[in-house]
PDB file of N, CA and C in Angstrom:
ATOM      1  N   MET A   1     -63.055  29.433 -84.162  1.00  0.00           N
ATOM      2  CA  MET A   1     -63.876  29.169 -82.514  1.00  0.00           C
ATOM      3  C   MET A   1     -63.256  27.946 -81.969  1.00  0.00           C
ATOM      4  N   ILE A   2     -62.905  28.401 -80.296  1.00  0.00           N
ATOM      5  CA  ILE A   2     -62.058  27.599 -79.591  1.00  0.00           C
ATOM      6  C   ILE A   2     -63.504  27.045 -79.445  1.00  0.00           C
ATOM      7  N   THR A   3     -63.490  25.002 -79.432  1.00  0.00           N
ATOM      8  CA  THR A   3     -64.630  24.696 -78.852  1.00  0.00           C
ATOM      9  C   THR A   3     -64.121  23.591 -77.383  1.00  0.00           C
ATOM     10  N   PHE A   4     -65.423  23.431 -76.933  1.00  0.00           N
ATOM     11  CA  PHE A   4     -65.033  22.856 -75.400  1.00  0.00           C
ATOM     12  C   PHE A   4     -63.808  21.599 -75.960  1.00  0.00           C
ATOM     13  N   PHE A   5     -64.046  20.849 -76.802  1.00  0.00           N
ATOM     14  CA  PHE A   5     -63.439  19.192 -76.703  1.00  0.00           C
ATOM     15  C   PHE A   5     -62.033  19.944 -77.478  1.00  0.00           C
ATOM     16  N   TYR A   6     -61.901  20.634 -77.603  1.00  0.00           N
ATOM     17  CA  TYR A   6     -60.191  20.812 -77.782  1.00  0.00           C
ATOM     18  C   TYR A   6     -59.658  21.784 -76.791  1.00  0.00           C
ATOM     19  N   ILE A   7     -60.605  22.771 -76.106  1.00  0.00           N
ATOM     20  CA  ILE A   7     -59.701  22.924 -74.586  1.00  0.00           C
ATOM     21  C   ILE A   7     -59.822  21.540 -73.816  1.00  0.00           C
ATOM     22  N   LEU A   8     -60.749  21.078 -73.806  1.00  0.00           N
ATOM     23  CA  LEU A   8     -60.429  19.644 -72.836  1.00  0.00           C
ATOM     24  C   LEU A   8     -59.615  18.880 -73.489  1.00  0.00           C
ATOM     25  N   ASN A   9     -59.253  18.747 -74.530  1.00  0.00           N
ATOM     26  CA  ASN A   9     -57.700  17.833 -74.906  1.00  0.00           C
ATOM     27  C   ASN A   9     -56.699  18.601 -74.782  1.00  0.00           C
ATOM     28  N   LEU A  10     -56.480  20.291 -75.018  1.00  0.00           N
ATOM     29  CA  LEU A  10     -55.452  20.378 -74.700  1.00  0.00           C
ATOM     30  C   LEU A  10     -55.055  20.300 -72.964  1.00  0.00           C
ATOM     31  N   ILE A  11     -56.393  20.214 -72.394  1.00  0.00           N
ATOM     32  CA  ILE A  11     -55.808  20.068 -70.702  1.00  0.00           C
ATOM     33  C   ILE A  11     -55.612  19.118 -70.635  1.00  0.00           C
ATOM     34  N   PHE A  12     -56.289  17.604 -71.122  1.00  0.00           N
ATOM     35  CA  PHE A  12     -55.542  16.505 -71.349  1.00  0.00           C
ATOM     36  C   PHE A  12     -54.004  16.210 -71.615  1.00  0.00           C
ATOM     37  N   HIS A  13     -53.820  17.126 -72.352  1.00  0.00           N
ATOM     38  CA  HIS A  13     -52.343  16.773 -72.904  1.00  0.00           C
ATOM     39  C   HIS A  13     -51.493  17.581 -71.684  1.00  0.00           C
ATOM     40  N   ARG A  14     -51.393  18.856 -71.104  1.00  0.00           N
ATOM     41  CA  ARG A  14     -51.062  19.085 -70.323  1.00  0.00           C
ATOM     42  C   ARG A  14     -50.853  18.560 -69.085  1.00  0.00           C
ATOM     43  N   ILE A  15     -51.990  17.733 -68.380  1.00  0.00           N
ATOM     44  CA  ILE A  15     -51.784  16.544 -67.791  1.00  0.00           C
ATOM     45  C   ILE A  15     -51.311  15.477 -67.499  1.00  0.00           C
ATOM     46  N   GLN A  16     -51.612  15.032 -69.092  1.00  0.00           N
ATOM     47  CA  GLN A  16     -50.379  13.929 -69.414  1.00  0.00           C
ATOM     48  C   GLN A  16     -49.084  14.305 -69.456  1.00  0.00           C
ATOM     49  N   HIS A  17     -48.485  15.425 -69.610  1.00  0.00           N
ATOM     50  CA  HIS A  17     -47.213  15.565 -69.396  1.00  0.00           C
ATOM     51  C   HIS A  17     -46.681  16.015 -67.780  1.00  0.00           C
ATOM     52  N   LEU A  18     -47.437  16.508 -67.326  1.00  0.00           N
ATOM     53  CA  LEU A  18     -47.230  16.497 -66.068  1.00  0.00           C
ATOM     54  C   LEU A  18     -46.965  15.473 -64.850  1.00  0.00           C
ATOM     55  N   ILE A  19     -47.833  14.830 -65.816  1.00  0.00           N
ATOM     56  CA  ILE A  19     -47.657  13.704 -64.814  1.00  0.00           C
ATOM     57  C   ILE A  19     -46.643  12.851 -65.763  1.00  0.00           C
ATOM     58  N   ASN A  20     -46.164  12.885 -66.511  1.00  0.00           N
ATOM     59  CA  ASN A  20     -44.984  12.180 -66.883  1.00  0.00           C
ATOM     60  C   ASN A  20     -43.751  12.613 -66.617  1.00  0.00           C
ATOM     61  N   VAL A  21     -43.568  13.781 -66.288  1.00  0.00           N
ATOM     62  CA  VAL A  21     -42.773  14.581 -65.820  1.00  0.00           C
ATOM     63  C   VAL A  21     -42.264  14.121 -64.253  1.00  0.00           C
ATOM     64  N   ILE A  22     -43.500  14.299 -63.201  1.00  0.00           N
ATOM     65  CA  ILE A  22     -43.491  13.791 -62.132  1.00  0.00           C
ATOM     66  C   ILE A  22     -42.671  12.493 -61.611  1.00  0.00           C
ATOM     67  N   LEU A  23     -43.253  11.455 -63.052  1.00  0.00           N
ATOM     68  CA  LEU A  23     -43.117  10.289 -62.412  1.00  0.00           C
ATOM     69  C   LEU A  23     -41.545   9.550 -63.310  1.00  0.00           C
ATOM     70  N   SER A  24     -40.485  10.806 -63.693  1.00  0.00           N
ATOM     71  CA  SER A  24     -39.339  10.923 -64.429  1.00  0.00           C
ATOM     72  C   SER A  24     -38.338  11.040 -63.186  1.00  0.00           C
ATOM     73  N   PHE A  25     -38.543  11.624 -61.920  1.00  0.00           N
ATOM     74  CA  PHE A  25     -38.065  11.627 -61.033  1.00  0.00           C
ATOM     75  C   PHE A  25     -38.336  10.491 -59.946  1.00  0.00           C
ATOM     76  N   GLN A  26     -36.970  10.724 -59.159  1.00  0.00           N
ATOM     77  CA  GLN A  26     -37.007   9.618 -58.447  1.00  0.00           C
ATOM     78  C   GLN A  26     -37.079  10.344 -56.769  1.00  0.00           C
ATOM     79  N   PRO A  27     -37.407   9.291 -55.794  1.00  0.00           N
ATOM     80  CA  PRO A  27     -37.997   9.770 -54.726  1.00  0.00           C
ATOM     81  C   PRO A  27     -37.025  10.680 -54.302  1.00  0.00           C
ATOM     82  N   GLY A  28     -37.764  11.558 -53.402  1.00  0.00           N
ATOM     83  CA  GLY A  28     -36.690  12.798 -53.168  1.00  0.00           C
ATOM     84  C   GLY A  28     -37.682  13.086 -51.879  1.00  0.00           C
ATOM     85  N   ILE A  29     -36.629  13.970 -51.127  1.00  0.00           N
ATOM     86  CA  ILE A  29     -37.419  14.696 -49.783  1.00  0.00           C
ATOM     87  C   ILE A  29     -37.168  16.155 -49.917  1.00  0.00           C
ATOM     88  N   LEU A  30     -38.642  16.901 -49.933  1.00  0.00           N
ATOM     89  CA  LEU A  30     -39.254  17.834 -49.802  1.00  0.00           C
ATOM     90  C   LEU A  30     -39.037  18.798 -48.273  1.00  0.00           C
ATOM     91  N   ASN A  31     -38.259  19.939 -48.225  1.00  0.00           N
ATOM     92  CA  ASN A  31     -38.043  20.753 -46.640  1.00  0.00           C
ATOM     93  C   ASN A  31     -39.317  22.068 -47.031  1.00  0.00           C
ATOM     94  N   ILE A  32     -39.993  21.980 -46.802  1.00  0.00           N
ATOM     95  CA  ILE A  32     -41.207  23.596 -46.487  1.00  0.00           C
ATOM     96  C   ILE A  32     -41.359  23.900 -45.392  1.00  0.00           C
ATOM     97  N   ARG A  33     -41.922  25.205 -45.836  1.00  0.00           N
ATOM     98  CA  ARG A  33     -42.311  25.962 -44.548  1.00  0.00           C
ATOM     99  C   ARG A  33     -44.244  26.076 -44.184  1.00  0.00           C
ATOM    100  N   MET A  34     -44.746  25.096 -43.343  1.00  0.00           N
ATOM    101  CA  MET A  34     -46.160  25.621 -43.771  1.00  0.00           C
ATOM    102  C   MET A  34     -47.085  26.119 -42.244  1.00  0.00           C
ATOM    103  N   ILE A  35     -48.414  26.275 -42.376  1.00  0.00           N
ATOM    104  CA  ILE A  35     -48.714  27.097 -41.255  1.00  0.00           C
ATOM    105  C   ILE A  35     -50.165  25.924 -41.118  1.00  0.00           C
ATOM    106  N   TRP A  36     -50.098  25.587 -39.515  1.00  0.00           N
ATOM    107  CA  TRP A  36     -51.218  24.094 -39.200  1.00  0.00           C
ATOM    108  C   TRP A  36     -52.424  25.072 -38.204  1.00  0.00           C
ATOM    109  N   HIS A  37     -53.556  25.525 -39.016  1.00  0.00           N
ATOM    110  CA  HIS A  37     -54.645  25.679 -37.693  1.00  0.00           C
ATOM    111  C   HIS A  37     -53.724  27.166 -36.784  1.00  0.00           C
ATOM    112  N   GLY A  38     -53.126  28.216 -38.300  1.00  0.00           N
ATOM    113  CA  GLY A  38     -52.834  29.435 -37.528  1.00  0.00           C
ATOM    114  C   GLY A  38     -51.563  28.976 -36.546  1.00  0.00           C
ATOM    115  N   LYS A  39     -50.787  27.903 -36.374  1.00  0.00           N
ATOM    116  CA  LYS A  39     -49.349  28.018 -36.133  1.00  0.00           C
ATOM    117  C   LYS A  39     -48.326  27.720 -37.209  1.00  0.00           C
ATOM    118  N   VAL A  40     -47.413  28.422 -37.057  1.00  0.00           N
ATOM    119  CA  VAL A  40     -46.174  28.222 -38.480  1.00  0.00           C
ATOM    120  C   VAL A  40     -45.257  27.159 -37.904  1.00  0.00           C
ATOM    121  N   LYS A  41     -44.654  26.618 -38.800  1.00  0.00           N
ATOM    122  CA  LYS A  41     -43.942  25.548 -38.608  1.00  0.00           C
ATOM    123  C   LYS A  41     -43.004  25.803 -39.686  1.00  0.00           C
ATOM    124  N   LYS A  42     -41.656  26.680 -38.669  1.00  0.00           N
ATOM    125  CA  LYS A  42     -40.769  26.697 -39.665  1.00  0.00           C
ATOM    126  C   LYS A  42     -40.158  25.909 -40.680  1.00  0.00           C
ATOM    127  N   HIS A  43     -39.840  24.729 -40.347  1.00  0.00           N
ATOM    128  CA  HIS A  43     -39.439  23.518 -41.379  1.00  0.00           C
ATOM    129  C   HIS A  43     -40.243  22.295 -41.236  1.00  0.00           C
ATOM    130  N   THR A  44     -40.557  21.793 -41.875  1.00  0.00           N
ATOM    131  CA  THR A  44     -40.727  20.444 -42.375  1.00  0.00           C
ATOM    132  C   THR A  44     -40.470  20.015 -43.436  1.00  0.00           C
ATOM    133  N   SER A  45     -40.306  18.558 -43.416  1.00  0.00           N
ATOM    134  CA  SER A  45     -39.677  17.504 -44.491  1.00  0.00           C
ATOM    135  C   SER A  45     -40.878  16.347 -44.754  1.00  0.00           C
ATOM    136  N   PHE A  46     -40.725  16.302 -46.058  1.00  0.00           N
ATOM    137  CA  PHE A  46     -41.440  14.786 -45.967  1.00  0.00           C
ATOM    138  C   PHE A  46     -40.921  14.000 -47.509  1.00  0.00           C
ATOM    139  N   PHE A  47     -41.367  12.834 -47.748  1.00  0.00           N
ATOM    140  CA  PHE A  47     -40.936  12.622 -49.223  1.00  0.00           C
ATOM    141  C   PHE A  47     -41.775  12.385 -50.295  1.00  0.00           C
ATOM    142  N   ILE A  48     -41.265  12.586 -51.406  1.00  0.00           N
ATOM    143  CA  ILE A  48     -41.748  12.867 -52.630  1.00  0.00           C
ATOM    144  C   ILE A  48     -41.681  11.966 -53.515  1.00  0.00           C
ATOM    145  N   GLY A  49     -42.569  10.649 -54.395  1.00  0.00           N
ATOM    146  CA  GLY A  49     -42.061   9.829 -55.269  1.00  0.00           C
ATOM    147  C   GLY A  49     -41.779   8.291 -54.345  1.00  0.00           C
ATOM    148  N   SER A  50     -42.312   8.511 -53.299  1.00  0.00           N
ATOM    149  CA  SER A  50     -41.999   7.267 -52.954  1.00  0.00           C
ATOM    150  C   SER A  50     -43.731   6.416 -52.186  1.00  0.00           C
ATOM    151  N   SER A  51     -44.000   5.568 -51.821  1.00  0.00           N
ATOM    152  CA  SER A  51     -45.123   4.979 -51.569  1.00  0.00           C
ATOM    153  C   SER A  51     -45.487   5.187 -50.157  1.00  0.00           C
ATOM    154  N   PRO A  52     -46.562   5.504 -49.555  1.00  0.00           N
ATOM    155  CA  PRO A  52     -46.710   5.576 -48.324  1.00  0.00           C
ATOM    156  C   PRO A  52     -46.643   4.409 -47.314  1.00  0.00           C
ATOM    157  N   GLU A  53     -46.265   3.340 -47.862  1.00  0.00           N
ATOM    158  CA  GLU A  53     -45.910   2.286 -46.895  1.00  0.00           C
ATOM    159  C   GLU A  53     -44.595   1.918 -46.484  1.00  0.00           C
ATOM    160  N   PHE A  54     -43.680   2.474 -47.227  1.00  0.00           N
ATOM    161  CA  PHE A  54     -42.156   2.680 -47.535  1.00  0.00           C
ATOM    162  C   PHE A  54     -41.745   3.649 -46.601  1.00  0.00           C
ATOM    163  N   GLU A  55     -42.527   4.881 -46.863  1.00  0.00           N
ATOM    164  CA  GLU A  55     -42.565   6.003 -45.579  1.00  0.00           C
ATOM    165  C   GLU A  55     -42.764   5.306 -43.933  1.00  0.00           C
ATOM    166  N   LEU A  56     -44.084   4.888 -43.704  1.00  0.00           N
ATOM    167  CA  LEU A  56     -44.744   4.524 -42.500  1.00  0.00           C
ATOM    168  C   LEU A  56     -44.073   3.277 -42.204  1.00  0.00           C
ATOM    169  N   SER A  57     -43.278   2.044 -42.745  1.00  0.00           N
ATOM    170  CA  SER A  57     -42.003   1.663 -42.055  1.00  0.00           C
ATOM    171  C   SER A  57     -40.841   2.056 -42.055  1.00  0.00           C
ATOM    172  N   LEU A  58     -40.951   3.036 -42.652  1.00  0.00           N
ATOM    173  CA  LEU A  58     -39.909   3.570 -42.263  1.00  0.00           C
ATOM    174  C   LEU A  58     -39.574   4.692 -40.234  1.00  0.00           C
ATOM    175  N   TYR A  59     -40.567   5.205 -40.623  1.00  0.00           N
ATOM    176  CA  TYR A  59     -40.876   5.564 -39.592  1.00  0.00           C
ATOM    177  C   TYR A  59     -41.275   4.757 -38.074  1.00  0.00           C
ATOM    178  N   THR A  60     -42.198   3.435 -38.881  1.00  0.00           N
ATOM    179  CA  THR A  60     -41.957   2.608 -37.080  1.00  0.00           C
ATOM    180  C   THR A  60     -40.897   2.167 -36.691  1.00  0.00           C
ATOM    181  N   LEU A  61     -40.148   1.400 -38.102  1.00  0.00           N
ATOM    182  CA  LEU A  61     -38.502   1.365 -38.098  1.00  0.00           C
ATOM    183  C   LEU A  61     -37.917   1.910 -37.009  1.00  0.00           C
ATOM    184  N   CYS A  62     -37.695   3.143 -37.484  1.00  0.00           N
ATOM    185  CA  CYS A  62     -36.777   4.377 -36.383  1.00  0.00           C
ATOM    186  C   CYS A  62     -37.450   4.668 -34.844  1.00  0.00           C
ATOM    187  N   MET A  63     -38.835   4.508 -34.746  1.00  0.00           N
ATOM    188  CA  MET A  63     -39.435   4.808 -33.658  1.00  0.00           C
ATOM    189  C   MET A  63     -39.158   3.599 -32.754  1.00  0.00           C
ATOM    190  N   LEU A  64     -39.243   2.515 -33.291  1.00  0.00           N
ATOM    191  CA  LEU A  64     -38.833   1.513 -32.196  1.00  0.00           C
ATOM    192  C   LEU A  64     -37.411   1.565 -32.455  1.00  0.00           C
ATOM    193  N   ALA A  65     -36.814   1.496 -33.100  1.00  0.00           N
ATOM    194  CA  ALA A  65     -35.411   1.333 -32.151  1.00  0.00           C
ATOM    195  C   ALA A  65     -34.350   2.586 -31.719  1.00  0.00           C
ATOM    196  N   ARG A  66     -35.127   3.819 -32.412  1.00  0.00           N
ATOM    197  CA  ARG A  66     -34.391   5.262 -31.934  1.00  0.00           C
ATOM    198  C   ARG A  66     -35.711   6.209 -31.575  1.00  0.00           C
ATOM    199  N   THR A  67     -36.724   6.094 -30.399  1.00  0.00           N
ATOM    200  CA  THR A  67     -37.520   6.756 -30.067  1.00  0.00           C
ATOM    201  C   THR A  67     -36.674   8.058 -29.321  1.00  0.00           C
ATOM    202  N   ASN A  68     -37.082   9.064 -30.418  1.00  0.00           N
ATOM    203  CA  ASN A  68     -36.470  10.196 -29.272  1.00  0.00           C
ATOM    204  C   ASN A  68     -35.324  10.938 -30.031  1.00  0.00           C
ATOM    205  N   SER A  69     -34.648  10.349 -30.750  1.00  0.00           N
ATOM    206  CA  SER A  69     -33.737  10.257 -31.665  1.00  0.00           C
ATOM    207  C   SER A  69     -33.622  10.870 -32.921  1.00  0.00           C
ATOM    208  N   ASP A  70     -32.269  10.564 -34.045  1.00  0.00           N
ATOM    209  CA  ASP A  70     -32.210  10.517 -34.802  1.00  0.00           C
ATOM    210  C   ASP A  70     -31.885   9.281 -35.342  1.00  0.00           C
ATOM    211  N   CYS A  71     -32.837   8.374 -36.189  1.00  0.00           N
ATOM    212  CA  CYS A  71     -32.324   7.352 -36.531  1.00  0.00           C
ATOM    213  C   CYS A  71     -31.434   7.406 -37.916  1.00  0.00           C
ATOM    214  N   ASN A  72     -30.250   7.301 -37.950  1.00  0.00           N
ATOM    215  CA  ASN A  72     -29.612   6.921 -39.181  1.00  0.00           C
ATOM    216  C   ASN A  72     -29.548   6.137 -40.037  1.00  0.00           C
ATOM    217  N   LEU A  73     -30.461   6.014 -41.195  1.00  0.00           N
ATOM    218  CA  LEU A  73     -30.256   5.125 -42.458  1.00  0.00           C
ATOM    219  C   LEU A  73     -29.637   5.244 -43.533  1.00  0.00           C
ATOM    220  N   GLU A  74     -28.886   4.357 -44.591  1.00  0.00           N
ATOM    221  CA  GLU A  74     -28.240   4.367 -45.562  1.00  0.00           C
ATOM    222  C   GLU A  74     -29.468   4.377 -46.488  1.00  0.00           C
ATOM    223  N   ILE A  75     -29.565   5.141 -47.657  1.00  0.00           N
ATOM    224  CA  ILE A  75     -30.654   4.483 -48.531  1.00  0.00           C
ATOM    225  C   ILE A  75     -30.250   4.914 -49.910  1.00  0.00           C
ATOM    226  N   ASN A  76     -29.561   3.681 -50.919  1.00  0.00           N
ATOM    227  CA  ASN A  76     -29.266   4.194 -52.037  1.00  0.00           C
ATOM    228  C   ASN A  76     -27.657   5.021 -51.885  1.00  0.00           C
ATOM    229  N   GLN A  77     -27.348   4.348 -51.322  1.00  0.00           N
ATOM    230  CA  GLN A  77     -26.002   5.332 -50.951  1.00  0.00           C
ATOM    231  C   GLN A  77     -26.195   6.069 -50.433  1.00  0.00           C
ATOM    232  N   SER A  78     -26.772   6.702 -49.653  1.00  0.00           N
ATOM    233  CA  SER A  78     -27.396   8.340 -49.173  1.00  0.00           C
ATOM    234  C   SER A  78     -27.351   8.194 -47.980  1.00  0.00           C
ATOM    235  N   GLN A  79     -27.063   8.853 -46.758  1.00  0.00           N
ATOM    236  CA  GLN A  79     -27.124   8.764 -45.400  1.00  0.00           C
ATOM    237  C   GLN A  79     -28.745   9.339 -45.087  1.00  0.00           C
ATOM    238  N   LEU A  80     -29.234   8.793 -44.677  1.00  0.00           N
ATOM    239  CA  LEU A  80     -31.011   9.977 -44.434  1.00  0.00           C
ATOM    240  C   LEU A  80     -31.077   9.686 -43.109  1.00  0.00           C
ATOM    241  N   PRO A  81     -31.106  10.628 -42.039  1.00  0.00           N
ATOM    242  CA  PRO A  81     -31.468  10.553 -41.131  1.00  0.00           C
ATOM    243  C   PRO A  81     -32.816  10.678 -40.732  1.00  0.00           C
ATOM    244  N   ILE A  82     -33.751   9.913 -39.854  1.00  0.00           N
ATOM    245  CA  ILE A  82     -35.040  10.333 -40.064  1.00  0.00           C
ATOM    246  C   ILE A  82     -35.197  10.576 -37.937  1.00  0.00           C
ATOM    247  N   ARG A  83     -35.943  11.553 -37.734  1.00  0.00           N
ATOM    248  CA  ARG A  83     -36.284  11.880 -36.383  1.00  0.00           C
ATOM    249  C   ARG A  83     -37.274  11.674 -35.665  1.00  0.00           C
ATOM    250  N   THR A  84     -37.636  11.181 -34.695  1.00  0.00           N
ATOM    251  CA  THR A  84     -38.975  10.245 -34.274  1.00  0.00           C
ATOM    252  C   THR A  84     -38.968  10.798 -32.452  1.00  0.00           C
ATOM    253  N   SER A  85     -40.219  11.283 -32.562  1.00  0.00           N
ATOM    254  CA  SER A  85     -40.344  11.426 -30.862  1.00  0.00           C
ATOM    255  C   SER A  85     -41.735  10.894 -30.372  1.00  0.00           C
ATOM    256  N   ASP A  86     -41.460  10.471 -29.241  1.00  0.00           N
ATOM    257  CA  ASP A  86     -43.375  10.375 -28.728  1.00  0.00           C
ATOM    258  C   ASP A  86     -44.326  11.296 -27.838  1.00  0.00           C
ATOM    259  N   VAL A  87     -44.832  10.682 -27.804  1.00  0.00           N
ATOM    260  CA  VAL A  87     -46.095  11.492 -27.261  1.00  0.00           C
ATOM    261  C   VAL A  87     -46.203  11.130 -25.641  1.00  0.00           C
ATOM    262  N   HIS A  88     -45.608  12.166 -24.584  1.00  0.00           N
ATOM    263  CA  HIS A  88     -44.955  11.993 -23.968  1.00  0.00           C
ATOM    264  C   HIS A  88     -46.421  11.675 -22.876  1.00  0.00           C
ATOM    265  N   HIS A  89     -47.342  12.398 -23.369  1.00  0.00           N
ATOM    266  CA  HIS A  89     -48.466  12.657 -22.023  1.00  0.00           C
ATOM    267  C   HIS A  89     -49.453  11.419 -22.288  1.00  0.00           C
ATOM    268  N   MET A  90     -49.021  10.378 -22.880  1.00  0.00           N
ATOM    269  CA  MET A  90     -49.475   9.379 -23.455  1.00  0.00           C
ATOM    270  C   MET A  90     -49.102   7.920 -23.127  1.00  0.00           C
ATOM    271  N   PRO A  91     -49.790   7.038 -22.083  1.00  0.00           N
ATOM    272  CA  PRO A  91     -49.231   5.929 -22.203  1.00  0.00           C
ATOM    273  C   PRO A  91     -48.902   4.416 -23.177  1.00  0.00           C
ATOM    274  N   GLY A  92     -47.831   4.578 -23.252  1.00  0.00           N
ATOM    275  CA  GLY A  92     -47.282   3.436 -24.256  1.00  0.00           C
ATOM    276  C   GLY A  92     -46.065   4.358 -25.001  1.00  0.00           C
ATOM    277  N   LEU A  93     -45.837   3.719 -26.237  1.00  0.00           N
ATOM    278  CA  LEU A  93     -45.083   4.180 -27.179  1.00  0.00           C
ATOM    279  C   LEU A  93     -46.230   4.734 -28.560  1.00  0.00           C
ATOM    280  N   GLN A  94     -46.123   6.172 -28.322  1.00  0.00           N
ATOM    281  CA  GLN A  94     -47.222   6.424 -30.116  1.00  0.00           C
ATOM    282  C   GLN A  94     -46.382   7.624 -30.462  1.00  0.00           C
ATOM    283  N   ILE A  95     -46.507   7.352 -31.775  1.00  0.00           N
ATOM    284  CA  ILE A  95     -45.472   8.485 -32.770  1.00  0.00           C
ATOM    285  C   ILE A  95     -45.999  10.267 -32.319  1.00  0.00           C
ATOM    286  N   GLY A  96     -45.256  10.587 -32.159  1.00  0.00           N
ATOM    287  CA  GLY A  96     -45.782  12.058 -31.653  1.00  0.00           C
ATOM    288  C   GLY A  96     -45.138  12.776 -33.307  1.00  0.00           C
ATOM    289  N   ALA A  97     -44.455  12.642 -33.914  1.00  0.00           N
ATOM    290  CA  ALA A  97     -43.666  13.288 -34.816  1.00  0.00           C
ATOM    291  C   ALA A  97     -42.174  12.048 -35.822  1.00  0.00           C
ATOM    292  N   ALA A  98     -42.301  12.333 -36.998  1.00  0.00           N
ATOM    293  CA  ALA A  98     -41.593  11.159 -37.848  1.00  0.00           C
ATOM    294  C   ALA A  98     -41.357  11.966 -38.842  1.00  0.00           C
ATOM    295  N   TYR A  99     -40.322  12.387 -39.210  1.00  0.00           N
ATOM    296  CA  TYR A  99     -39.434  12.971 -40.269  1.00  0.00           C
ATOM    297  C   TYR A  99     -38.450  12.864 -40.736  1.00  0.00           C
ATOM    298  N   PRO A 100     -38.262  13.258 -41.757  1.00  0.00           N
ATOM    299  CA  PRO A 100     -36.655  12.994 -42.895  1.00  0.00           C
ATOM    300  C   PRO A 100     -36.042  14.499 -42.189  1.00  0.00           C
ATOM    301  N   VAL A 101     -34.756  14.462 -41.801  1.00  0.00           N
ATOM    302  CA  VAL A 101     -33.965  15.380 -41.549  1.00  0.00           C
ATOM    303  C   VAL A 101     -33.319  16.328 -42.385  1.00  0.00           C
ATOM    304  N   LEU A 102     -33.640  17.313 -42.809  1.00  0.00           N
ATOM    305  CA  LEU A 102     -32.615  18.122 -43.426  1.00  0.00           C
ATOM    306  C   LEU A 102     -31.519  18.701 -43.474  1.00  0.00           C
TER     307      LEU A 102
END
């Protein structure tokens, strides 16, 4: 008979393996299609495996340096363009979108 603790132990080891696999990857970029409030966005991308502070600092830097255009960065000897756009109907500089371009 399979006990509750056996199943719990099995789940724990699976989760532990999954965490080890995730932590072994270098930060990367994921490009996906998503639906938000019933509207389809064909392509969107975001970082995987990096800190939120890293992402926000990149987006802020690019927004201040190259508003409404691509900001070409080099990270780990790889070119990484970040696209930013300002919210035009609001006064002042406000980030409408900021994302890595693939």
